[in-house]
């Protein structure tokens, strides 16, 4: 499937990381999501019921990032992908790509961000 919905650079505050200090203070996390599904029916009918409501995607991502602390970005990405496929499979989402970035990563030098990208199928 080549059709997709893309939400880019959603920013949420969370408390995730390996270090105790990373789990005690809010820090920003950036999330990108690509949802693969057939957009033809929605495009032809202009009917939100035949596609994905961006608000639901945003709230699912927010719930993971603002939820319980995780050590790894990989765990955050897996949780987001699983939530999206579970909740949106009924509207035809069969594959998701999730990127999670940590712009304020603690490293001994300058880096824009650390991140992961995963693709999962339902």
C-alpha atoms as a PDB file:
ATOM      1  CA  UNK A   1       0.000   0.000   0.000  1.00  0.00           C
ATOM      2  CA  UNK A   2       1.469   3.318  -1.014  1.00  0.00           C
ATOM      3  CA  UNK A   3      -1.148   5.616   0.578  1.00  0.00           C
ATOM      4  CA  UNK A   4      -0.247   6.963   3.961  1.00  0.00           C
ATOM      5  CA  UNK A   5      -1.130   9.521   6.585  1.00  0.00           C
ATOM      6  CA  UNK A   6       1.838  11.299   8.157  1.00  0.00           C
ATOM      7  CA  UNK A   7       1.999  13.212  11.427  1.00  0.00           C
ATOM      8  CA  UNK A   8       5.416  14.822  11.928  1.00  0.00           C
ATOM      9  CA  UNK A   9       7.235  16.264  14.892  1.00  0.00           C
ATOM     10  CA  UNK A  10       4.580  15.841  17.513  1.00  0.00           C
ATOM     11  CA  UNK A  11       6.207  16.976  20.759  1.00  0.00           C
ATOM     12  CA  UNK A  12       5.310  15.624  24.182  1.00  0.00           C
ATOM     13  CA  UNK A  13       6.954  15.813  27.584  1.00  0.00           C
ATOM     14  CA  UNK A  14       7.958  12.568  29.243  1.00  0.00           C
ATOM     15  CA  UNK A  15      10.305  11.024  31.778  1.00  0.00           C
ATOM     16  CA  UNK A  16      12.212   8.316  29.955  1.00  0.00           C
ATOM     17  CA  UNK A  17      15.820   7.203  29.937  1.00  0.00           C
ATOM     18  CA  UNK A  18      18.370   4.882  31.441  1.00  0.00           C
ATOM     19  CA  UNK A  19      19.613   7.409  33.994  1.00  0.00           C
ATOM     20  CA  UNK A  20      17.580   8.123  37.129  1.00  0.00           C
ATOM     21  CA  UNK A  21      17.890  11.852  36.412  1.00  0.00           C
ATOM     22  CA  UNK A  22      16.138  11.348  33.050  1.00  0.00           C
ATOM     23  CA  UNK A  23      13.146   9.777  34.787  1.00  0.00           C
ATOM     24  CA  UNK A  24      12.685  12.505  37.404  1.00  0.00           C
ATOM     25  CA  UNK A  25      12.216  15.600  35.222  1.00  0.00           C
ATOM     26  CA  UNK A  26      10.128  16.175  32.116  1.00  0.00           C
ATOM     27  CA  UNK A  27      12.018  16.337  28.837  1.00  0.00           C
ATOM     28  CA  UNK A  28      10.767  16.689  25.260  1.00  0.00           C
ATOM     29  CA  UNK A  29      10.278  13.754  22.919  1.00  0.00           C
ATOM     30  CA  UNK A  30       9.478  14.117  19.227  1.00  0.00           C
ATOM     31  CA  UNK A  31       7.288  11.554  17.496  1.00  0.00           C
ATOM     32  CA  UNK A  32       6.605  10.986  13.783  1.00  0.00           C
ATOM     33  CA  UNK A  33       4.012   8.485  12.630  1.00  0.00           C
ATOM     34  CA  UNK A  34       3.221   7.115   9.188  1.00  0.00           C
ATOM     35  CA  UNK A  35       0.027   5.097   8.821  1.00  0.00           C
ATOM     36  CA  UNK A  36      -0.368   2.956   5.718  1.00  0.00           C
ATOM     37  CA  UNK A  37      -3.922   2.419   4.468  1.00  0.00           C
ATOM     38  CA  UNK A  38      -6.109   2.894   1.401  1.00  0.00           C
ATOM     39  CA  UNK A  39      -7.092   6.574   1.344  1.00  0.00           C
ATOM     40  CA  UNK A  40      -9.210   6.237  -1.809  1.00  0.00           C
ATOM     41  CA  UNK A  41     -12.587   5.760  -0.090  1.00  0.00           C
ATOM     42  CA  UNK A  42     -12.083   8.818   2.135  1.00  0.00           C
ATOM     43  CA  UNK A  43     -10.785  10.898  -0.758  1.00  0.00           C
ATOM     44  CA  UNK A  44     -13.760  10.020  -2.959  1.00  0.00           C
ATOM     45  CA  UNK A  45     -16.430  10.539  -0.292  1.00  0.00           C
ATOM     46  CA  UNK A  46     -14.914  13.251   1.935  1.00  0.00           C
ATOM     47  CA  UNK A  47     -16.023  11.084   4.890  1.00  0.00           C
ATOM     48  CA  UNK A  48     -13.900  11.061   8.071  1.00  0.00           C
ATOM     49  CA  UNK A  49     -15.427   7.697   8.965  1.00  0.00           C
ATOM     50  CA  UNK A  50     -13.513   6.113   6.092  1.00  0.00           C
ATOM     51  CA  UNK A  51     -10.084   7.208   7.303  1.00  0.00           C
ATOM     52  CA  UNK A  52      -8.093   7.976  10.446  1.00  0.00           C
ATOM     53  CA  UNK A  53      -8.853  10.905  12.712  1.00  0.00           C
ATOM     54  CA  UNK A  54      -5.542  12.682  13.394  1.00  0.00           C
ATOM     55  CA  UNK A  55      -6.727  13.596  16.879  1.00  0.00           C
ATOM     56  CA  UNK A  56      -6.899   9.931  17.865  1.00  0.00           C
ATOM     57  CA  UNK A  57      -3.366   9.307  16.584  1.00  0.00           C
ATOM     58  CA  UNK A  58      -2.086  12.343  18.491  1.00  0.00           C
ATOM     59  CA  UNK A  59      -3.759  11.224  21.727  1.00  0.00           C
ATOM     60  CA  UNK A  60      -2.473   7.644  21.428  1.00  0.00           C
ATOM     61  CA  UNK A  61       1.086   8.948  21.011  1.00  0.00           C
ATOM     62  CA  UNK A  62       0.648  11.403  23.876  1.00  0.00           C
ATOM     63  CA  UNK A  63      -0.608   8.647  26.190  1.00  0.00           C
ATOM     64  CA  UNK A  64       2.546   6.593  25.628  1.00  0.00           C
ATOM     65  CA  UNK A  65       5.054   9.444  25.972  1.00  0.00           C
ATOM     66  CA  UNK A  66       3.318  11.018  28.965  1.00  0.00           C
ATOM     67  CA  UNK A  67       2.684   7.605  30.516  1.00  0.00           C
ATOM     68  CA  UNK A  68       4.881   5.341  32.622  1.00  0.00           C
ATOM     69  CA  UNK A  69       8.641   5.795  32.380  1.00  0.00           C
ATOM     70  CA  UNK A  70      10.582   3.560  30.050  1.00  0.00           C
ATOM     71  CA  UNK A  71      14.325   3.210  29.746  1.00  0.00           C
ATOM     72  CA  UNK A  72      14.553   2.858  25.979  1.00  0.00           C
ATOM     73  CA  UNK A  73      13.277   4.788  22.981  1.00  0.00           C
ATOM     74  CA  UNK A  74      12.752   1.370  21.397  1.00  0.00           C
ATOM     75  CA  UNK A  75      10.172   0.529  24.069  1.00  0.00           C
ATOM     76  CA  UNK A  76       8.329   3.791  23.456  1.00  0.00           C
ATOM     77  CA  UNK A  77       8.241   3.209  19.703  1.00  0.00           C
ATOM     78  CA  UNK A  78       6.991  -0.377  20.128  1.00  0.00           C
ATOM     79  CA  UNK A  79       4.246   0.753  22.471  1.00  0.00           C
ATOM     80  CA  UNK A  80       3.103   3.479  20.079  1.00  0.00           C
ATOM     81  CA  UNK A  81       3.127   1.104  17.094  1.00  0.00           C
ATOM     82  CA  UNK A  82       1.179  -1.540  18.993  1.00  0.00           C
ATOM     83  CA  UNK A  83      -1.424   0.969  20.190  1.00  0.00           C
ATOM     84  CA  UNK A  84      -1.906   2.383  16.709  1.00  0.00           C
ATOM     85  CA  UNK A  85      -2.275  -1.009  15.029  1.00  0.00           C
ATOM     86  CA  UNK A  86      -4.670  -2.244  17.717  1.00  0.00           C
ATOM     87  CA  UNK A  87      -6.898   0.841  17.668  1.00  0.00           C
ATOM     88  CA  UNK A  88      -6.775   1.655  13.954  1.00  0.00           C
ATOM     89  CA  UNK A  89      -6.703  -1.751  12.325  1.00  0.00           C
ATOM     90  CA  UNK A  90     -10.488  -1.632  11.992  1.00  0.00           C
ATOM     91  CA  UNK A  91     -10.231   1.340   9.590  1.00  0.00           C
ATOM     92  CA  UNK A  92      -7.675  -0.463   7.463  1.00  0.00           C
ATOM     93  CA  UNK A  93      -4.329   0.582   8.939  1.00  0.00           C
ATOM     94  CA  UNK A  94      -2.158  -2.431   8.197  1.00  0.00           C
ATOM     95  CA  UNK A  95       1.301  -0.978   8.736  1.00  0.00           C
ATOM     96  CA  UNK A  96       2.840   1.837  10.759  1.00  0.00           C
ATOM     97  CA  UNK A  97       6.220   3.490  10.881  1.00  0.00           C
ATOM     98  CA  UNK A  98       7.066   5.232  14.147  1.00  0.00           C
ATOM     99  CA  UNK A  99      10.026   7.500  14.845  1.00  0.00           C
ATOM    100  CA  UNK A 100      10.831   8.658  18.371  1.00  0.00           C
ATOM    101  CA  UNK A 101      13.543  11.257  18.956  1.00  0.00           C
ATOM    102  CA  UNK A 102      15.038  12.624  22.122  1.00  0.00           C
ATOM    103  CA  UNK A 103      16.408  16.105  21.356  1.00  0.00           C
ATOM    104  CA  UNK A 104      17.918  16.679  24.799  1.00  0.00           C
ATOM    105  CA  UNK A 105      19.839  13.415  24.946  1.00  0.00           C
ATOM    106  CA  UNK A 106      22.654  13.367  27.501  1.00  0.00           C
ATOM    107  CA  UNK A 107      25.873  12.654  25.605  1.00  0.00           C
ATOM    108  CA  UNK A 108      29.414  13.981  26.109  1.00  0.00           C
ATOM    109  CA  UNK A 109      29.202  16.143  22.969  1.00  0.00           C
ATOM    110  CA  UNK A 110      26.863  17.983  20.658  1.00  0.00           C
ATOM    111  CA  UNK A 111      24.160  16.024  18.900  1.00  0.00           C
ATOM    112  CA  UNK A 112      20.834  17.217  17.528  1.00  0.00           C
ATOM    113  CA  UNK A 113      18.919  14.212  18.829  1.00  0.00           C
ATOM    114  CA  UNK A 114      18.985  10.473  19.348  1.00  0.00           C
ATOM    115  CA  UNK A 115      16.202   8.411  17.870  1.00  0.00           C
ATOM    116  CA  UNK A 116      14.762   5.158  16.654  1.00  0.00           C
ATOM    117  CA  UNK A 117      12.556   4.194  13.737  1.00  0.00           C
ATOM    118  CA  UNK A 118      10.484   1.034  13.538  1.00  0.00           C
ATOM    119  CA  UNK A 119       7.974  -0.349  11.051  1.00  0.00           C
ATOM    120  CA  UNK A 120       5.358  -2.855  12.147  1.00  0.00           C
ATOM    121  CA  UNK A 121       2.492  -4.647  10.407  1.00  0.00           C
ATOM    122  CA  UNK A 122      -0.842  -5.513  11.943  1.00  0.00           C
END
